[in-house]
Amino acid sequence: MNRQRAQEIVEAKELINVTHNATPVYIQHVDEQSDMARIYPLDSPNEEENVPLKSLEEH
């Protein structure tokens, strides 16, 4: 996923279907300098992690 689209998803009012390794996730924050995103699985909000933007897929 590119940085601009990831930021649009963060700012969107509706939930947009995004996955990381086939797991539905919520993007909390995009770090534009490192091209990383702070995410968590929709079913496990306590399992936050930083992942490369390129590992995220929009459906």
PDB file of N, CA and C in Angstrom:
ATOM      1  N   MET A   1       0.857  -1.163   0.000  1.00  0.00           N
ATOM      2  CA  MET A   1       0.000   0.000   0.000  1.00  0.00           C
ATOM      3  C   MET A   1       0.905   1.228   0.000  1.00  0.00           C
ATOM      4  N   ASN A   2       0.493   2.241  -0.742  1.00  0.00           N
ATOM      5  CA  ASN A   2       1.319   3.441  -0.748  1.00  0.00           C
ATOM      6  C   ASN A   2       0.971   4.341   0.437  1.00  0.00           C
ATOM      7  N   ARG A   3       1.899   5.216   0.758  1.00  0.00           N
ATOM      8  CA  ARG A   3       1.789   6.079   1.938  1.00  0.00           C
ATOM      9  C   ARG A   3       0.549   6.962   1.899  1.00  0.00           C
ATOM     10  N   GLN A   4       0.280   7.563   0.751  1.00  0.00           N
ATOM     11  CA  GLN A   4      -0.862   8.475   0.639  1.00  0.00           C
ATOM     12  C   GLN A   4      -2.180   7.742   0.894  1.00  0.00           C
ATOM     13  N   ARG A   5      -2.333   6.570   0.312  1.00  0.00           N
ATOM     14  CA  ARG A   5      -3.581   5.817   0.509  1.00  0.00           C
ATOM     15  C   ARG A   5      -3.718   5.374   1.966  1.00  0.00           C
ATOM     16  N   ALA A   6      -2.635   4.959   2.576  1.00  0.00           N
ATOM     17  CA  ALA A   6      -2.693   4.558   3.979  1.00  0.00           C
ATOM     18  C   ALA A   6      -3.136   5.730   4.854  1.00  0.00           C
ATOM     19  N   GLN A   7      -2.634   6.920   4.574  1.00  0.00           N
ATOM     20  CA  GLN A   7      -3.028   8.097   5.346  1.00  0.00           C
ATOM     21  C   GLN A   7      -4.501   8.423   5.117  1.00  0.00           C
ATOM     22  N   GLU A   8      -4.982   8.264   3.881  1.00  0.00           N
ATOM     23  CA  GLU A   8      -6.403   8.484   3.595  1.00  0.00           C
ATOM     24  C   GLU A   8      -7.273   7.521   4.404  1.00  0.00           C
ATOM     25  N   ILE A   9      -6.830   6.285   4.526  1.00  0.00           N
ATOM     26  CA  ILE A   9      -7.582   5.284   5.286  1.00  0.00           C
ATOM     27  C   ILE A   9      -7.612   5.658   6.768  1.00  0.00           C
ATOM     28  N   VAL A  10      -6.487   6.125   7.299  1.00  0.00           N
ATOM     29  CA  VAL A  10      -6.440   6.559   8.703  1.00  0.00           C
ATOM     30  C   VAL A  10      -7.445   7.677   8.945  1.00  0.00           C
ATOM     31  N   GLU A  11      -7.549   8.608   8.005  1.00  0.00           N
ATOM     32  CA  GLU A  11      -8.410   9.779   8.164  1.00  0.00           C
ATOM     33  C   GLU A  11      -9.868   9.526   7.788  1.00  0.00           C
ATOM     34  N   ALA A  12     -10.158   8.390   7.173  1.00  0.00           N
ATOM     35  CA  ALA A  12     -11.522   8.092   6.727  1.00  0.00           C
ATOM     36  C   ALA A  12     -12.461   7.906   7.917  1.00  0.00           C
ATOM     37  N   LYS A  13     -13.698   8.326   7.735  1.00  0.00           N
ATOM     38  CA  LYS A  13     -14.698   8.177   8.798  1.00  0.00           C
ATOM     39  C   LYS A  13     -15.233   6.750   8.868  1.00  0.00           C
ATOM     40  N   GLU A  14     -15.235   6.057   7.739  1.00  0.00           N
ATOM     41  CA  GLU A  14     -15.728   4.683   7.719  1.00  0.00           C
ATOM     42  C   GLU A  14     -14.553   3.704   7.816  1.00  0.00           C
ATOM     43  N   LEU A  15     -14.842   2.497   8.250  1.00  0.00           N
ATOM     44  CA  LEU A  15     -13.830   1.453   8.342  1.00  0.00           C
ATOM     45  C   LEU A  15     -13.589   0.885   6.949  1.00  0.00           C
ATOM     46  N   ILE A  16     -12.341   0.866   6.530  1.00  0.00           N
ATOM     47  CA  ILE A  16     -11.971   0.359   5.211  1.00  0.00           C
ATOM     48  C   ILE A  16     -11.264  -0.975   5.407  1.00  0.00           C
ATOM     49  N   ASN A  17     -11.613  -1.944   4.579  1.00  0.00           N
ATOM     50  CA  ASN A  17     -11.105  -3.305   4.702  1.00  0.00           C
ATOM     51  C   ASN A  17      -9.634  -3.372   4.299  1.00  0.00           C
ATOM     52  N   VAL A  18      -8.766  -3.562   5.301  1.00  0.00           N
ATOM     53  CA  VAL A  18      -7.323  -3.673   5.091  1.00  0.00           C
ATOM     54  C   VAL A  18      -6.850  -4.927   5.811  1.00  0.00           C
ATOM     55  N   THR A  19      -5.917  -5.642   5.188  1.00  0.00           N
ATOM     56  CA  THR A  19      -5.356  -6.826   5.838  1.00  0.00           C
ATOM     57  C   THR A  19      -3.837  -6.742   5.904  1.00  0.00           C
ATOM     58  N   HIS A  20      -3.304  -7.474   6.881  1.00  0.00           N
ATOM     59  CA  HIS A  20      -1.861  -7.683   7.024  1.00  0.00           C
ATOM     60  C   HIS A  20      -1.691  -9.181   7.221  1.00  0.00           C
ATOM     61  N   ASN A  21      -0.999  -9.828   6.306  1.00  0.00           N
ATOM     62  CA  ASN A  21      -0.851 -11.293   6.349  1.00  0.00           C
ATOM     63  C   ASN A  21      -2.207 -11.988   6.467  1.00  0.00           C
ATOM     64  N   ALA A  22      -3.167 -11.522   5.676  1.00  0.00           N
ATOM     65  CA  ALA A  22      -4.526 -12.079   5.585  1.00  0.00           C
ATOM     66  C   ALA A  22      -5.378 -11.839   6.832  1.00  0.00           C
ATOM     67  N   THR A  23      -4.895 -11.046   7.774  1.00  0.00           N
ATOM     68  CA  THR A  23      -5.651 -10.718   8.982  1.00  0.00           C
ATOM     69  C   THR A  23      -6.229  -9.314   8.856  1.00  0.00           C
ATOM     70  N   PRO A  24      -7.531  -9.143   9.046  1.00  0.00           N
ATOM     71  CA  PRO A  24      -8.116  -7.797   9.000  1.00  0.00           C
ATOM     72  C   PRO A  24      -7.527  -6.921  10.112  1.00  0.00           C
ATOM     73  N   VAL A  25      -7.095  -5.716   9.733  1.00  0.00           N
ATOM     74  CA  VAL A  25      -6.449  -4.820  10.694  1.00  0.00           C
ATOM     75  C   VAL A  25      -7.014  -3.410  10.609  1.00  0.00           C
ATOM     76  N   TYR A  26      -6.743  -2.653  11.662  1.00  0.00           N
ATOM     77  CA  TYR A  26      -7.064  -1.230  11.736  1.00  0.00           C
ATOM     78  C   TYR A  26      -5.739  -0.474  11.727  1.00  0.00           C
ATOM     79  N   ILE A  27      -5.622   0.533  10.869  1.00  0.00           N
ATOM     80  CA  ILE A  27      -4.409   1.350  10.821  1.00  0.00           C
ATOM     81  C   ILE A  27      -4.600   2.527  11.772  1.00  0.00           C
ATOM     82  N   GLN A  28      -3.742   2.629  12.763  1.00  0.00           N
ATOM     83  CA  GLN A  28      -3.817   3.721  13.734  1.00  0.00           C
ATOM     84  C   GLN A  28      -3.033   4.944  13.283  1.00  0.00           C
ATOM     85  N   HIS A  29      -1.860   4.705  12.712  1.00  0.00           N
ATOM     86  CA  HIS A  29      -0.957   5.809  12.405  1.00  0.00           C
ATOM     87  C   HIS A  29      -0.035   5.405  11.263  1.00  0.00           C
ATOM     88  N   VAL A  30       0.328   6.388  10.444  1.00  0.00           N
ATOM     89  CA  VAL A  30       1.293   6.176   9.366  1.00  0.00           C
ATOM     90  C   VAL A  30       2.508   7.049   9.640  1.00  0.00           C
ATOM     91  N   ASP A  31       3.684   6.438   9.685  1.00  0.00           N
ATOM     92  CA  ASP A  31       4.937   7.175   9.834  1.00  0.00           C
ATOM     93  C   ASP A  31       5.490   7.411   8.438  1.00  0.00           C
ATOM     94  N   GLU A  32       5.362   8.640   7.969  1.00  0.00           N
ATOM     95  CA  GLU A  32       5.730   8.961   6.592  1.00  0.00           C
ATOM     96  C   GLU A  32       7.230   8.884   6.347  1.00  0.00           C
ATOM     97  N   GLN A  33       8.039   9.071   7.367  1.00  0.00           N
ATOM     98  CA  GLN A  33       9.488   9.043   7.165  1.00  0.00           C
ATOM     99  C   GLN A  33      10.019   7.624   7.028  1.00  0.00           C
ATOM    100  N   SER A  34       9.403   6.688   7.733  1.00  0.00           N
ATOM    101  CA  SER A  34       9.906   5.312   7.684  1.00  0.00           C
ATOM    102  C   SER A  34       9.046   4.388   6.829  1.00  0.00           C
ATOM    103  N   ASP A  35       7.916   4.915   6.292  1.00  0.00           N
ATOM    104  CA  ASP A  35       6.972   4.093   5.523  1.00  0.00           C
ATOM    105  C   ASP A  35       6.497   2.879   6.319  1.00  0.00           C
ATOM    106  N   MET A  36       6.210   3.131   7.597  1.00  0.00           N
ATOM    107  CA  MET A  36       5.683   2.109   8.492  1.00  0.00           C
ATOM    108  C   MET A  36       4.297   2.536   8.967  1.00  0.00           C
ATOM    109  N   ALA A  37       3.502   1.556   9.378  1.00  0.00           N
ATOM    110  CA  ALA A  37       2.168   1.831   9.911  1.00  0.00           C
ATOM    111  C   ALA A  37       2.020   1.152  11.261  1.00  0.00           C
ATOM    112  N   ARG A  38       1.332   1.829  12.166  1.00  0.00           N
ATOM    113  CA  ARG A  38       0.976   1.249  13.462  1.00  0.00           C
ATOM    114  C   ARG A  38      -0.406   0.633  13.288  1.00  0.00           C
ATOM    115  N   ILE A  39      -0.511  -0.675  13.497  1.00  0.00           N
ATOM    116  CA  ILE A  39      -1.765  -1.394  13.251  1.00  0.00           C
ATOM    117  C   ILE A  39      -2.121  -2.283  14.431  1.00  0.00           C
ATOM    118  N   TYR A  40      -3.368  -2.779  14.408  1.00  0.00           N
ATOM    119  CA  TYR A  40      -3.749  -3.873  15.302  1.00  0.00           C
ATOM    120  C   TYR A  40      -4.831  -4.696  14.616  1.00  0.00           C
ATOM    121  N   PRO A  41      -4.875  -6.002  14.901  1.00  0.00           N
ATOM    122  CA  PRO A  41      -5.937  -6.849  14.351  1.00  0.00           C
ATOM    123  C   PRO A  41      -7.287  -6.394  14.894  1.00  0.00           C
ATOM    124  N   LEU A  42      -8.315  -6.418  14.056  1.00  0.00           N
ATOM    125  CA  LEU A  42      -9.639  -5.974  14.484  1.00  0.00           C
ATOM    126  C   LEU A  42     -10.159  -6.770  15.673  1.00  0.00           C
ATOM    127  N   ASP A  43      -9.794  -8.036  15.753  1.00  0.00           N
ATOM    128  CA  ASP A  43     -10.288  -8.866  16.859  1.00  0.00           C
ATOM    129  C   ASP A  43      -9.349  -8.890  18.069  1.00  0.00           C
ATOM    130  N   SER A  44      -8.230  -8.156  17.992  1.00  0.00           N
ATOM    131  CA  SER A  44      -7.267  -8.115  19.106  1.00  0.00           C
ATOM    132  C   SER A  44      -6.647  -6.725  19.226  1.00  0.00           C
ATOM    133  N   PRO A  45      -7.403  -5.739  19.681  1.00  0.00           N
ATOM    134  CA  PRO A  45      -6.899  -4.362  19.736  1.00  0.00           C
ATOM    135  C   PRO A  45      -5.661  -4.168  20.611  1.00  0.00           C
ATOM    136  N   ASN A  46      -5.382  -5.107  21.500  1.00  0.00           N
ATOM    137  CA  ASN A  46      -4.206  -4.979  22.368  1.00  0.00           C
ATOM    138  C   ASN A  46      -2.920  -5.447  21.702  1.00  0.00           C
ATOM    139  N   GLU A  47      -3.014  -6.026  20.523  1.00  0.00           N
ATOM    140  CA  GLU A  47      -1.840  -6.562  19.830  1.00  0.00           C
ATOM    141  C   GLU A  47      -1.331  -5.583  18.775  1.00  0.00           C
ATOM    142  N   GLU A  48      -0.964  -4.394  19.210  1.00  0.00           N
ATOM    143  CA  GLU A  48      -0.457  -3.376  18.293  1.00  0.00           C
ATOM    144  C   GLU A  48       0.936  -3.745  17.802  1.00  0.00           C
ATOM    145  N   GLU A  49       1.226  -3.348  16.566  1.00  0.00           N
ATOM    146  CA  GLU A  49       2.570  -3.548  16.029  1.00  0.00           C
ATOM    147  C   GLU A  49       2.826  -2.557  14.907  1.00  0.00           C
ATOM    148  N   ASN A  50       4.104  -2.333  14.628  1.00  0.00           N
ATOM    149  CA  ASN A  50       4.517  -1.504  13.506  1.00  0.00           C
ATOM    150  C   ASN A  50       4.901  -2.421  12.360  1.00  0.00           C
ATOM    151  N   VAL A  51       4.362  -2.133  11.174  1.00  0.00           N
ATOM    152  CA  VAL A  51       4.629  -2.971  10.007  1.00  0.00           C
ATOM    153  C   VAL A  51       4.927  -2.077   8.805  1.00  0.00           C
ATOM    154  N   PRO A  52       5.657  -2.601   7.817  1.00  0.00           N
ATOM    155  CA  PRO A  52       5.897  -1.820   6.598  1.00  0.00           C
ATOM    156  C   PRO A  52       4.591  -1.604   5.836  1.00  0.00           C
ATOM    157  N   LEU A  53       4.432  -0.419   5.274  1.00  0.00           N
ATOM    158  CA  LEU A  53       3.233  -0.131   4.482  1.00  0.00           C
ATOM    159  C   LEU A  53       3.054  -1.137   3.356  1.00  0.00           C
ATOM    160  N   LYS A  54       4.157  -1.590   2.776  1.00  0.00           N
ATOM    161  CA  LYS A  54       4.063  -2.519   1.641  1.00  0.00           C
ATOM    162  C   LYS A  54       3.458  -3.864   2.030  1.00  0.00           C
ATOM    163  N   SER A  55       3.367  -4.138   3.346  1.00  0.00           N
ATOM    164  CA  SER A  55       2.781  -5.410   3.783  1.00  0.00           C
ATOM    165  C   SER A  55       1.269  -5.321   3.989  1.00  0.00           C
ATOM    166  N   LEU A  56       0.695  -4.135   3.783  1.00  0.00           N
ATOM    167  CA  LEU A  56      -0.748  -3.945   3.946  1.00  0.00           C
ATOM    168  C   LEU A  56      -1.448  -4.021   2.604  1.00  0.00           C
ATOM    169  N   GLU A  57      -2.646  -4.593   2.611  1.00  0.00           N
ATOM    170  CA  GLU A  57      -3.416  -4.742   1.378  1.00  0.00           C
ATOM    171  C   GLU A  57      -4.851  -4.284   1.604  1.00  0.00           C
ATOM    172  N   GLU A  58      -5.330  -3.432   0.702  1.00  0.00           N
ATOM    173  CA  GLU A  58      -6.719  -2.976   0.767  1.00  0.00           C
ATOM    174  C   GLU A  58      -7.583  -3.897  -0.078  1.00  0.00           C
ATOM    175  N   HIS A  59      -8.794  -4.167   0.408  1.00  0.00           N
ATOM    176  CA  HIS A  59      -9.712  -5.055  -0.322  1.00  0.00           C
ATOM    177  C   HIS A  59     -10.965  -4.328  -0.713  1.00  0.00           C
TER     178      HIS A  59
END
